[in-house]
């Protein structure tokens, strides 16, 4: 289905995995549904548990709440459509629906970068200048910083979407991806202005991803240097354990993206299906794995969970014997 211009482009067609045999559609949709349920249950649990547990209402865990909200929203924006494609054969998404999905895909990714930089700041102050931590990092300050992390990318993403909307679309309306993103959409556009839009978008992406990454690298390198200067081995391990979850979460977000970018830069090519799978994995795997990291790599959350489970068990035993 080919469209000659933007006025005739009524909808887009989500291609998904082009080389996938129809006999595996049910299996793929079931796997994607499982991933979505894992993301939803895990992140809703973390968000609710931190909000309701008074002992966890600290700056570090408030950042986790914002990360959980971001992960939950990203999974909700991207997965239902691709699940519907393989489960119900519904591959069509409206023109403006596709642009709306594109906005949230890139907005949430950018917001995640800034939230990760807030998380790095929290650990930097806690380890490098611990005496100033109670004064510099409070719940109110973290809430303001996280609010800015959500707000800053809005203007960039609105600009990107409106620029893409002005393009004439005269190629195929097939989105060679599992969800609508800027590259997939603008590849269907034509005209001299397309290159300008792509360059502008690349500049915005560099601002939203690389600036936070630069600060994150500075923070964690400084933290590691400080930890290495600690002579006591037990103290060094204890100090490192306080930022291990944050390092894991940051690596899960950035390392796969860097791998795909570097591989493409050096000319290492993947098949189209593998390329789409890699993008899907690095977009969704952190959202599914992060709640596990929060629970098992963060001592305060783990201990609060154990207390709750013990209290629940004792309560059940008391009810049985009364």
Protein backbone atom coordinates (compact mmCIF):
# COMPACT_ATOMS: atom_id res chain seq x y z
CA UNK A 1 0.00 0.00 0.00
CA UNK A 2 1.80 3.06 -1.30
CA UNK A 3 0.77 6.62 -0.52
CA UNK A 4 1.66 9.66 -2.56
CA UNK A 5 1.56 12.39 0.08
CA UNK A 6 0.82 13.19 3.68
CA UNK A 7 -2.89 13.87 3.09
CA UNK A 8 -3.44 10.33 1.76
CA UNK A 9 -1.37 8.58 4.45
CA UNK A 10 -4.16 7.35 6.69
CA UNK A 11 -2.27 4.74 8.68
CA UNK A 12 0.93 2.79 9.08
CA UNK A 13 1.54 -0.95 9.06
CA UNK A 14 3.72 -2.39 11.87
CA UNK A 15 5.92 -5.01 10.23
CA UNK A 16 7.45 -6.53 13.38
CA UNK A 17 9.82 -9.38 12.54
CA UNK A 18 9.65 -9.76 8.74
CA UNK A 19 11.32 -13.18 8.66
CA UNK A 20 9.11 -14.75 11.33
CA UNK A 21 7.05 -17.73 10.19
CA UNK A 22 3.29 -17.47 10.94
CA UNK A 23 3.42 -20.70 12.93
CA UNK A 24 5.42 -18.85 15.61
CA UNK A 25 3.09 -15.85 15.90
CA UNK A 26 1.27 -17.34 18.90
CA UNK A 27 4.53 -18.11 20.71
CA UNK A 28 5.94 -14.63 20.06
CA UNK A 29 2.76 -12.92 21.25
CA UNK A 30 2.77 -15.08 24.41
CA UNK A 31 6.41 -14.19 25.14
CA UNK A 32 5.72 -10.48 24.57
CA UNK A 33 2.64 -10.68 26.81
CA UNK A 34 4.73 -12.33 29.53
CA UNK A 35 7.34 -9.56 29.23
CA UNK A 36 4.63 -6.90 29.46
CA UNK A 37 3.03 -8.53 32.53
CA UNK A 38 6.49 -8.79 34.15
CA UNK A 39 7.11 -5.10 33.48
CA UNK A 40 3.65 -4.09 34.75
CA UNK A 41 3.58 -6.25 37.89
CA UNK A 42 7.20 -5.61 38.85
CA UNK A 43 7.18 -1.85 38.42
CA UNK A 44 3.72 -1.32 39.94
CA UNK A 45 4.87 -3.35 42.94
CA UNK A 46 8.07 -1.31 43.38
CA UNK A 47 6.24 2.01 42.97
CA UNK A 48 3.49 1.05 45.43
CA UNK A 49 5.83 -0.57 47.96
CA UNK A 50 8.18 2.43 48.15
CA UNK A 51 5.29 4.90 48.38
CA UNK A 52 3.52 2.91 51.13
CA UNK A 53 6.59 1.83 53.16
CA UNK A 54 7.64 4.79 55.32
CA UNK A 55 11.13 3.41 55.94
CA UNK A 56 11.81 3.59 52.18
CA UNK A 57 10.69 7.17 51.66
CA UNK A 58 14.24 8.40 51.12
CA UNK A 59 15.82 10.22 48.16
CA UNK A 60 17.44 7.09 46.70
CA UNK A 61 14.19 5.15 46.60
CA UNK A 62 12.14 8.07 45.33
CA UNK A 63 14.38 7.95 42.24
CA UNK A 64 13.52 4.25 41.93
CA UNK A 65 9.83 5.24 41.87
CA UNK A 66 10.43 7.56 38.92
CA UNK A 67 12.39 4.85 37.11
CA UNK A 68 9.59 2.34 37.74
CA UNK A 69 6.99 4.79 36.42
CA UNK A 70 9.09 5.38 33.30
CA UNK A 71 9.57 1.64 32.67
CA UNK A 72 5.89 0.91 33.19
CA UNK A 73 4.83 3.68 30.80
CA UNK A 74 7.32 2.60 28.13
CA UNK A 75 6.09 -0.99 28.20
CA UNK A 76 2.46 0.17 28.04
CA UNK A 77 3.17 2.45 25.08
CA UNK A 78 5.10 -0.06 22.97
CA UNK A 79 4.01 -3.64 23.72
CA UNK A 80 0.19 -3.81 23.37
CA UNK A 81 0.29 -2.98 19.63
CA UNK A 82 2.93 -5.58 18.71
CA UNK A 83 1.12 -8.17 20.87
CA UNK A 84 -2.12 -7.37 19.00
CA UNK A 85 -0.29 -7.83 15.70
CA UNK A 86 0.83 -11.38 16.44
CA UNK A 87 -2.20 -12.41 18.50
CA UNK A 88 -5.08 -10.86 16.54
CA UNK A 89 -3.42 -9.99 13.21
CA UNK A 90 -3.98 -6.26 13.88
CA UNK A 91 -0.92 -4.60 12.33
CA UNK A 92 -2.45 -1.23 11.49
CA UNK A 93 -1.87 1.92 13.53
CA UNK A 94 -3.37 5.28 12.64
CA UNK A 95 -1.19 8.05 11.25
CA UNK A 96 -1.45 10.24 14.35
CA UNK A 97 -1.40 7.18 16.61
CA UNK A 98 2.00 6.28 15.17
CA UNK A 99 3.32 9.80 15.78
CA UNK A 100 1.95 9.72 19.33
CA UNK A 101 3.74 6.44 19.96
CA UNK A 102 6.93 7.88 18.47
CA UNK A 103 6.71 10.87 20.81
CA UNK A 104 6.42 8.71 23.92
CA UNK A 105 9.11 6.23 22.81
CA UNK A 106 11.72 8.97 22.46
CA UNK A 107 10.42 11.14 25.29
CA UNK A 108 10.54 8.28 27.81
CA UNK A 109 14.02 7.27 26.66
CA UNK A 110 15.26 10.84 27.09
CA UNK A 111 13.56 11.21 30.48
CA UNK A 112 15.18 7.96 31.58
CA UNK A 113 18.63 9.38 30.76
CA UNK A 114 18.02 12.44 32.92
CA UNK A 115 16.55 10.35 35.78
CA UNK A 116 19.63 8.11 35.68
CA UNK A 117 21.78 11.24 36.00
CA UNK A 118 19.77 12.25 39.09
CA UNK A 119 20.40 8.77 40.50
CA UNK A 120 24.12 9.18 39.79
CA UNK A 121 24.11 12.56 41.55
CA UNK A 122 22.50 10.98 44.62
CA UNK A 123 25.25 8.33 44.82
CA UNK A 124 28.01 10.87 44.03
CA UNK A 125 27.05 13.11 46.94
CA UNK A 126 26.46 10.14 49.28
CA UNK A 127 29.91 8.64 48.69
CA UNK A 128 32.16 11.52 47.66
CA UNK A 129 30.87 14.19 50.08
CA UNK A 130 28.87 12.19 52.66
CA UNK A 131 28.87 14.90 55.34
CA UNK A 132 26.94 17.22 53.01
CA UNK A 133 24.48 14.54 51.89
CA UNK A 134 21.66 15.28 54.42
CA UNK A 135 21.74 18.97 53.48
CA UNK A 136 22.19 18.63 49.72
CA UNK A 137 20.01 15.59 48.98
CA UNK A 138 16.54 15.66 50.46
CA UNK A 139 13.21 14.24 49.32
CA UNK A 140 12.10 17.67 48.11
CA UNK A 141 15.30 18.29 46.14
CA UNK A 142 15.14 14.84 44.51
CA UNK A 143 11.49 15.40 43.63
CA UNK A 144 12.35 18.72 41.96
CA UNK A 145 15.29 17.20 40.06
CA UNK A 146 13.21 14.24 38.89
CA UNK A 147 10.47 16.66 37.87
CA UNK A 148 13.02 18.51 35.75
CA UNK A 149 14.15 15.18 34.28
CA UNK A 150 10.57 14.61 33.09
CA UNK A 151 10.13 18.21 31.90
CA UNK A 152 13.39 18.96 30.03
CA UNK A 153 12.86 16.51 27.12
CA UNK A 154 9.30 17.70 26.39
CA UNK A 155 10.26 20.69 24.23
CA UNK A 156 12.83 18.63 22.30
CA UNK A 157 10.35 15.83 21.58
CA UNK A 158 7.53 18.19 20.61
CA UNK A 159 9.89 19.88 18.13
CA UNK A 160 10.94 16.52 16.69
CA UNK A 161 7.34 15.35 16.25
CA UNK A 162 6.16 18.59 14.60
CA UNK A 163 9.13 18.59 12.25
CA UNK A 164 8.33 15.03 11.21
CA UNK A 165 4.64 15.93 10.74
CA UNK A 166 5.56 18.62 8.21
CA UNK A 167 7.29 16.10 5.92
CA UNK A 168 5.54 14.74 2.81
CA UNK A 169 5.17 10.95 2.98
CA UNK A 170 5.36 9.43 -0.48
CA UNK A 171 6.98 6.05 0.15
CA UNK A 172 5.66 2.86 1.73
CA UNK A 173 3.61 3.14 4.92
CA UNK A 174 5.29 0.03 6.37
CA UNK A 175 7.11 0.58 9.71
CA UNK A 176 10.05 -1.83 9.73
CA UNK A 177 10.09 -2.10 13.50
CA UNK A 178 7.98 -3.40 16.39
CA UNK A 179 6.80 0.12 17.23
CA UNK A 180 6.86 3.57 15.65
CA UNK A 181 10.12 5.44 16.09
CA UNK A 182 11.60 8.47 14.34
CA UNK A 183 13.91 6.60 11.98
CA UNK A 184 11.21 4.18 10.84
CA UNK A 185 8.72 6.97 10.18
CA UNK A 186 11.02 9.48 8.48
CA UNK A 187 12.41 6.73 6.22
CA UNK A 188 9.00 6.83 4.53
CA UNK A 189 9.23 10.59 3.91
CA UNK A 190 10.59 12.29 0.81
CA UNK A 191 11.92 15.72 -0.11
CA UNK A 192 15.01 17.79 0.58
CA UNK A 193 13.84 18.73 4.08
CA UNK A 194 14.12 15.11 5.33
CA UNK A 195 17.89 15.34 5.82
CA UNK A 196 17.55 18.56 7.85
CA UNK A 197 14.93 16.93 10.08
CA UNK A 198 17.15 13.90 10.65
CA UNK A 199 20.20 16.04 11.51
CA UNK A 200 18.13 18.17 13.91
CA UNK A 201 16.78 15.05 15.58
CA UNK A 202 20.29 13.62 15.92
CA UNK A 203 21.45 16.82 17.65
CA UNK A 204 18.54 16.65 20.09
CA UNK A 205 19.29 12.96 20.73
CA UNK A 206 22.91 13.76 21.52
CA UNK A 207 21.81 16.41 24.03
CA UNK A 208 19.28 14.14 25.74
CA UNK A 209 21.46 11.03 25.84
CA UNK A 210 25.13 12.01 25.81
CA UNK A 211 25.03 14.97 28.22
CA UNK A 212 23.46 12.85 31.01
CA UNK A 213 25.84 10.00 30.11
CA UNK A 214 28.86 12.30 30.48
CA UNK A 215 27.72 13.32 33.98
CA UNK A 216 26.92 9.70 34.88
CA UNK A 217 30.40 8.56 33.83
CA UNK A 218 32.02 11.39 35.78
CA UNK A 219 29.96 10.51 38.88
CA UNK A 220 30.64 6.78 38.90
CA UNK A 221 34.33 7.16 38.02
CA UNK A 222 34.65 9.60 40.94
CA UNK A 223 32.81 7.13 43.18
CA UNK A 224 35.09 4.25 42.18
CA UNK A 225 38.19 6.40 42.80
CA UNK A 226 36.94 7.29 46.29
CA UNK A 227 36.08 3.66 47.07
CA UNK A 228 39.50 2.44 45.91
CA UNK A 229 41.16 4.84 48.36
CA UNK A 230 39.43 3.17 51.31
CA UNK A 231 42.04 0.98 53.03
CA UNK A 232 39.56 -1.24 54.87
CA UNK A 233 38.37 -4.08 52.59
CA UNK A 234 35.07 -4.56 54.42
CA UNK A 235 34.37 -0.82 54.29
CA UNK A 236 35.19 -0.77 50.58
CA UNK A 237 32.76 -3.62 49.87
CA UNK A 238 30.05 -2.02 51.99
CA UNK A 239 30.48 1.31 50.20
CA UNK A 240 30.45 -0.33 46.78
CA UNK A 241 27.28 -2.27 47.63
CA UNK A 242 25.41 1.01 48.16
CA UNK A 243 25.79 1.94 44.48
CA UNK A 244 25.80 -1.53 42.85
CA UNK A 245 22.08 -1.45 41.91
CA UNK A 246 22.47 1.98 40.33
CA UNK A 247 25.47 0.84 38.27
CA UNK A 248 23.60 -2.28 37.08
CA UNK A 249 20.55 -0.24 36.06
CA UNK A 250 22.66 2.35 34.21
CA UNK A 251 24.66 -0.35 32.38
CA UNK A 252 21.46 -2.13 31.32
CA UNK A 253 20.20 1.10 29.76
CA UNK A 254 23.35 2.36 28.05
CA UNK A 255 25.61 -0.62 27.19
CA UNK A 256 23.29 -2.41 24.72
CA UNK A 257 22.59 0.89 22.94
CA UNK A 258 26.32 1.62 22.70
CA UNK A 259 26.96 -1.92 21.41
CA UNK A 260 24.42 -1.58 18.58
CA UNK A 261 25.72 1.89 17.68
CA UNK A 262 29.38 0.82 17.67
CA UNK A 263 28.58 -2.34 15.69
CA UNK A 264 26.81 -0.29 13.03
CA UNK A 265 29.65 2.26 12.97
CA UNK A 266 32.40 -0.31 12.39
CA UNK A 267 30.37 -1.99 9.67
CA UNK A 268 29.26 -5.10 11.59
CA UNK A 269 25.84 -5.75 10.12
CA UNK A 270 22.97 -7.78 11.53
CA UNK A 271 20.08 -9.34 9.68
CA UNK A 272 16.93 -7.24 9.83
CA UNK A 273 15.22 -9.61 12.28
CA UNK A 274 18.25 -9.66 14.61
CA UNK A 275 18.53 -5.87 14.46
CA UNK A 276 14.85 -5.45 15.39
CA UNK A 277 15.22 -8.05 18.16
CA UNK A 278 18.25 -6.25 19.63
CA UNK A 279 16.39 -2.93 19.69
CA UNK A 280 13.37 -4.59 21.33
CA UNK A 281 15.57 -6.28 23.93
CA UNK A 282 17.55 -3.19 24.94
CA UNK A 283 14.33 -1.19 25.08
CA UNK A 284 12.32 -3.65 27.19
CA UNK A 285 14.76 -5.90 29.07
CA UNK A 286 15.80 -3.18 31.56
CA UNK A 287 12.15 -2.43 32.33
CA UNK A 288 11.55 -6.10 33.17
CA UNK A 289 14.81 -6.65 35.08
CA UNK A 290 15.03 -3.39 37.07
CA UNK A 291 12.42 -4.41 39.72
CA UNK A 292 14.44 -7.58 40.40
CA UNK A 293 17.57 -5.47 40.88
CA UNK A 294 15.69 -3.13 43.25
CA UNK A 295 14.50 -6.07 45.38
CA UNK A 296 17.61 -8.26 45.51
CA UNK A 297 20.46 -5.77 45.22
CA UNK A 298 19.13 -3.04 47.53
CA UNK A 299 19.46 -3.93 51.21
CA UNK A 300 16.76 -1.58 52.54
CA UNK A 301 14.13 -2.82 50.09
CA UNK A 302 15.12 -6.46 50.66
CA UNK A 303 14.92 -6.06 54.45
CA UNK A 304 11.58 -4.21 54.25
CA UNK A 305 10.19 -7.04 52.10
CA UNK A 306 11.43 -9.67 54.56
CA UNK A 307 9.80 -7.79 57.45
CA UNK A 308 6.52 -7.59 55.57
CA UNK A 309 6.60 -11.28 54.69
CA UNK A 310 7.39 -12.28 58.27
CA UNK A 311 4.63 -10.04 59.62
CA UNK A 312 2.17 -11.51 57.13
CA UNK A 313 3.21 -15.07 58.03
CA UNK A 314 2.87 -14.37 61.76
CA UNK A 315 -0.52 -12.77 61.16
CA UNK A 316 -1.74 -15.85 59.27
CA UNK A 317 -0.50 -18.17 62.02
CA UNK A 318 -2.26 -16.07 64.69
CA UNK A 319 -5.55 -16.18 62.75
CA UNK A 320 -5.30 -19.95 62.36
CA UNK A 321 -4.85 -20.55 66.09
CA UNK A 322 -7.45 -18.02 67.31
